[in-house]
Amino acid sequence: MAELLCGEDPEPSDRSPAGPLFVPVRPGRAGCTARLFRTPLGDRTAVGFTSARGLVATLGPDQAWIRLAEPALRALTAPLGVTTVTIDPPFSAPAPSPVEPVQAAAPAVVLRIA
């Protein structure tokens, strides 16, 4: 069998980057859960960053993260049907800001039954 060059292979066997990634997570009572994101087309994807600086620049300083190798991240998200891993996404949509409770315009009416 002839070996394909990376440019010819639709899915090269030597995926880069090699090495641990900085993976955004959500801490919970039972441990950490990898955060999943959406691609511009709406598909779910796992995300990994090659540097902590890149993660902070994209998701902010309060984003929790863990180190995982790309194959481990793929194995973690595969049972959820997520087969795509996005490395170093250039930007993300801002997190939704908290909504202030709506104040009633008129005082509440109290009915008294005698």
C-alpha atoms as a PDB file:
ATOM      1  CA  MET A   1       0.000   0.000   0.000  1.00  0.00           C
ATOM      2  CA  ALA A   2       1.406   3.376  -0.968  1.00  0.00           C
ATOM      3  CA  GLU A   3       1.810   5.888   1.827  1.00  0.00           C
ATOM      4  CA  LEU A   4      -0.235   9.029   1.278  1.00  0.00           C
ATOM      5  CA  LEU A   5       1.266  12.419   1.907  1.00  0.00           C
ATOM      6  CA  CYS A   6      -0.529  14.644   4.410  1.00  0.00           C
ATOM      7  CA  GLY A   7      -1.765  16.916   1.607  1.00  0.00           C
ATOM      8  CA  GLU A   8      -3.414  13.949  -0.169  1.00  0.00           C
ATOM      9  CA  ASP A   9      -4.916  12.229   2.854  1.00  0.00           C
ATOM     10  CA  PRO A  10      -8.349  13.623   3.789  1.00  0.00           C
ATOM     11  CA  GLU A  11      -7.705  12.705   7.427  1.00  0.00           C
ATOM     12  CA  PRO A  12      -3.983  12.413   8.130  1.00  0.00           C
ATOM     13  CA  SER A  13      -2.972   9.818  10.697  1.00  0.00           C
ATOM     14  CA  ASP A  14      -0.511  12.168  12.391  1.00  0.00           C
ATOM     15  CA  ARG A  15      -2.829  14.786  13.789  1.00  0.00           C
ATOM     16  CA  SER A  16      -1.282  17.945  15.068  1.00  0.00           C
ATOM     17  CA  PRO A  17      -0.731  19.517  17.438  1.00  0.00           C
ATOM     18  CA  ALA A  18       0.830  16.734  19.405  1.00  0.00           C
ATOM     19  CA  GLY A  19       0.944  17.103  23.143  1.00  0.00           C
ATOM     20  CA  PRO A  20      -1.427  18.200  25.865  1.00  0.00           C
ATOM     21  CA  LEU A  21      -4.046  20.838  25.172  1.00  0.00           C
ATOM     22  CA  PHE A  22      -5.633  23.380  27.489  1.00  0.00           C
ATOM     23  CA  VAL A  23      -9.279  22.265  27.504  1.00  0.00           C
ATOM     24  CA  PRO A  24     -12.026  24.525  28.902  1.00  0.00           C
ATOM     25  CA  VAL A  25     -14.147  22.824  31.556  1.00  0.00           C
ATOM     26  CA  ARG A  26     -17.078  23.480  33.849  1.00  0.00           C
ATOM     27  CA  PRO A  27     -16.413  22.485  37.454  1.00  0.00           C
ATOM     28  CA  GLY A  28     -19.228  20.595  39.150  1.00  0.00           C
ATOM     29  CA  ARG A  29     -19.960  18.538  42.244  1.00  0.00           C
ATOM     30  CA  ALA A  30     -18.717  15.317  40.625  1.00  0.00           C
ATOM     31  CA  GLY A  31     -15.632  16.879  38.998  1.00  0.00           C
ATOM     32  CA  CYS A  32     -14.954  18.740  35.788  1.00  0.00           C
ATOM     33  CA  THR A  33     -16.902  18.463  32.547  1.00  0.00           C
ATOM     34  CA  ALA A  34     -15.412  19.428  29.187  1.00  0.00           C
ATOM     35  CA  ARG A  35     -17.230  22.402  27.699  1.00  0.00           C
ATOM     36  CA  LEU A  36     -18.639  21.830  24.245  1.00  0.00           C
ATOM     37  CA  PHE A  37     -19.056  24.624  21.746  1.00  0.00           C
ATOM     38  CA  ARG A  38     -20.764  25.141  18.384  1.00  0.00           C
ATOM     39  CA  THR A  39     -19.053  25.691  15.057  1.00  0.00           C
ATOM     40  CA  PRO A  40     -20.272  28.563  12.841  1.00  0.00           C
ATOM     41  CA  LEU A  41     -22.488  25.981  11.090  1.00  0.00           C
ATOM     42  CA  GLY A  42     -24.017  24.857  14.398  1.00  0.00           C
ATOM     43  CA  ASP A  43     -22.260  21.497  14.836  1.00  0.00           C
ATOM     44  CA  ARG A  44     -21.021  20.604  18.315  1.00  0.00           C
ATOM     45  CA  THR A  45     -17.267  20.591  18.815  1.00  0.00           C
ATOM     46  CA  ALA A  46     -14.787  20.069  21.606  1.00  0.00           C
ATOM     47  CA  VAL A  47     -12.200  22.839  21.916  1.00  0.00           C
ATOM     48  CA  GLY A  48      -8.558  22.744  22.904  1.00  0.00           C
ATOM     49  CA  PHE A  49      -5.903  25.443  23.049  1.00  0.00           C
ATOM     50  CA  THR A  50      -2.173  25.015  22.566  1.00  0.00           C
ATOM     51  CA  SER A  51      -1.446  27.639  25.233  1.00  0.00           C
ATOM     52  CA  ALA A  52      -3.075  28.966  28.381  1.00  0.00           C
ATOM     53  CA  ARG A  53      -2.610  32.470  26.980  1.00  0.00           C
ATOM     54  CA  GLY A  54      -4.745  31.591  23.947  1.00  0.00           C
ATOM     55  CA  LEU A  55      -7.474  30.147  26.137  1.00  0.00           C
ATOM     56  CA  VAL A  56      -7.543  33.247  28.361  1.00  0.00           C
ATOM     57  CA  ALA A  57      -7.525  35.597  25.353  1.00  0.00           C
ATOM     58  CA  THR A  58     -10.509  33.792  23.831  1.00  0.00           C
ATOM     59  CA  LEU A  59     -12.603  32.743  26.838  1.00  0.00           C
ATOM     60  CA  GLY A  60     -11.469  35.099  29.593  1.00  0.00           C
ATOM     61  CA  PRO A  61      -9.403  34.749  32.759  1.00  0.00           C
ATOM     62  CA  ASP A  62     -12.184  33.108  34.782  1.00  0.00           C
ATOM     63  CA  GLN A  63     -12.473  30.083  32.473  1.00  0.00           C
ATOM     64  CA  ALA A  64     -11.431  26.871  34.249  1.00  0.00           C
ATOM     65  CA  TRP A  65      -9.311  24.427  32.248  1.00  0.00           C
ATOM     66  CA  ILE A  66      -7.510  21.103  32.431  1.00  0.00           C
ATOM     67  CA  ARG A  67      -4.695  19.575  30.386  1.00  0.00           C
ATOM     68  CA  LEU A  68      -5.693  16.733  28.059  1.00  0.00           C
ATOM     69  CA  ALA A  69      -4.054  15.146  25.034  1.00  0.00           C
ATOM     70  CA  GLU A  70      -6.123  15.414  21.860  1.00  0.00           C
ATOM     71  CA  PRO A  71      -6.823  11.646  21.682  1.00  0.00           C
ATOM     72  CA  ALA A  72      -8.113  11.757  25.282  1.00  0.00           C
ATOM     73  CA  LEU A  73     -10.366  14.722  24.453  1.00  0.00           C
ATOM     74  CA  ARG A  74     -11.723  12.855  21.416  1.00  0.00           C
ATOM     75  CA  ALA A  75     -12.331   9.721  23.502  1.00  0.00           C
ATOM     76  CA  LEU A  76     -14.093  11.795  26.165  1.00  0.00           C
ATOM     77  CA  THR A  77     -16.498  13.467  23.731  1.00  0.00           C
ATOM     78  CA  ALA A  78     -17.087  10.595  21.274  1.00  0.00           C
ATOM     79  CA  PRO A  79     -19.835   8.936  23.400  1.00  0.00           C
ATOM     80  CA  LEU A  80     -21.715  12.244  23.192  1.00  0.00           C
ATOM     81  CA  GLY A  81     -21.626  12.133  19.386  1.00  0.00           C
ATOM     82  CA  VAL A  82     -19.027  14.909  19.172  1.00  0.00           C
ATOM     83  CA  THR A  83     -16.407  13.934  16.605  1.00  0.00           C
ATOM     84  CA  THR A  84     -14.867  17.335  15.901  1.00  0.00           C
ATOM     85  CA  VAL A  85     -12.087  18.943  17.929  1.00  0.00           C
ATOM     86  CA  THR A  86     -11.327  22.586  17.185  1.00  0.00           C
ATOM     87  CA  ILE A  87      -7.805  23.681  18.067  1.00  0.00           C
ATOM     88  CA  ASP A  88      -7.120  27.346  18.891  1.00  0.00           C
ATOM     89  CA  PRO A  89     -10.414  28.874  17.728  1.00  0.00           C
ATOM     90  CA  PRO A  90      -9.822  32.525  16.802  1.00  0.00           C
ATOM     91  CA  PHE A  91     -12.756  33.938  18.774  1.00  0.00           C
ATOM     92  CA  SER A  92     -15.948  33.064  20.567  1.00  0.00           C
ATOM     93  CA  ALA A  93     -19.226  34.807  21.194  1.00  0.00           C
ATOM     94  CA  PRO A  94     -19.360  36.624  24.520  1.00  0.00           C
ATOM     95  CA  ALA A  95     -21.041  34.862  27.380  1.00  0.00           C
ATOM     96  CA  PRO A  96     -24.593  36.047  27.983  1.00  0.00           C
ATOM     97  CA  SER A  97     -24.758  38.717  30.624  1.00  0.00           C
ATOM     98  CA  PRO A  98     -27.102  38.306  33.587  1.00  0.00           C
ATOM     99  CA  VAL A  99     -30.510  39.815  33.079  1.00  0.00           C
ATOM    100  CA  GLU A 100     -31.749  42.216  35.722  1.00  0.00           C
ATOM    101  CA  PRO A 101     -35.170  41.329  37.132  1.00  0.00           C
ATOM    102  CA  VAL A 102     -37.955  43.395  35.651  1.00  0.00           C
ATOM    103  CA  GLN A 103     -39.434  45.861  38.117  1.00  0.00           C
ATOM    104  CA  ALA A 104     -43.207  46.107  38.112  1.00  0.00           C
ATOM    105  CA  ALA A 105     -44.364  49.407  36.633  1.00  0.00           C
ATOM    106  CA  ALA A 106     -47.462  49.567  38.798  1.00  0.00           C
ATOM    107  CA  PRO A 107     -47.868  48.432  42.395  1.00  0.00           C
ATOM    108  CA  ALA A 108     -49.445  45.039  42.883  1.00  0.00           C
ATOM    109  CA  VAL A 109     -53.175  45.049  43.523  1.00  0.00           C
ATOM    110  CA  VAL A 110     -54.267  43.262  46.684  1.00  0.00           C
ATOM    111  CA  LEU A 111     -57.831  42.015  46.824  1.00  0.00           C
ATOM    112  CA  ARG A 112     -59.390  41.594  50.233  1.00  0.00           C
ATOM    113  CA  ILE A 113     -62.401  39.439  50.611  1.00  0.00           C
ATOM    114  CA  ALA A 114     -64.522  40.238  53.604  1.00  0.00           C
END
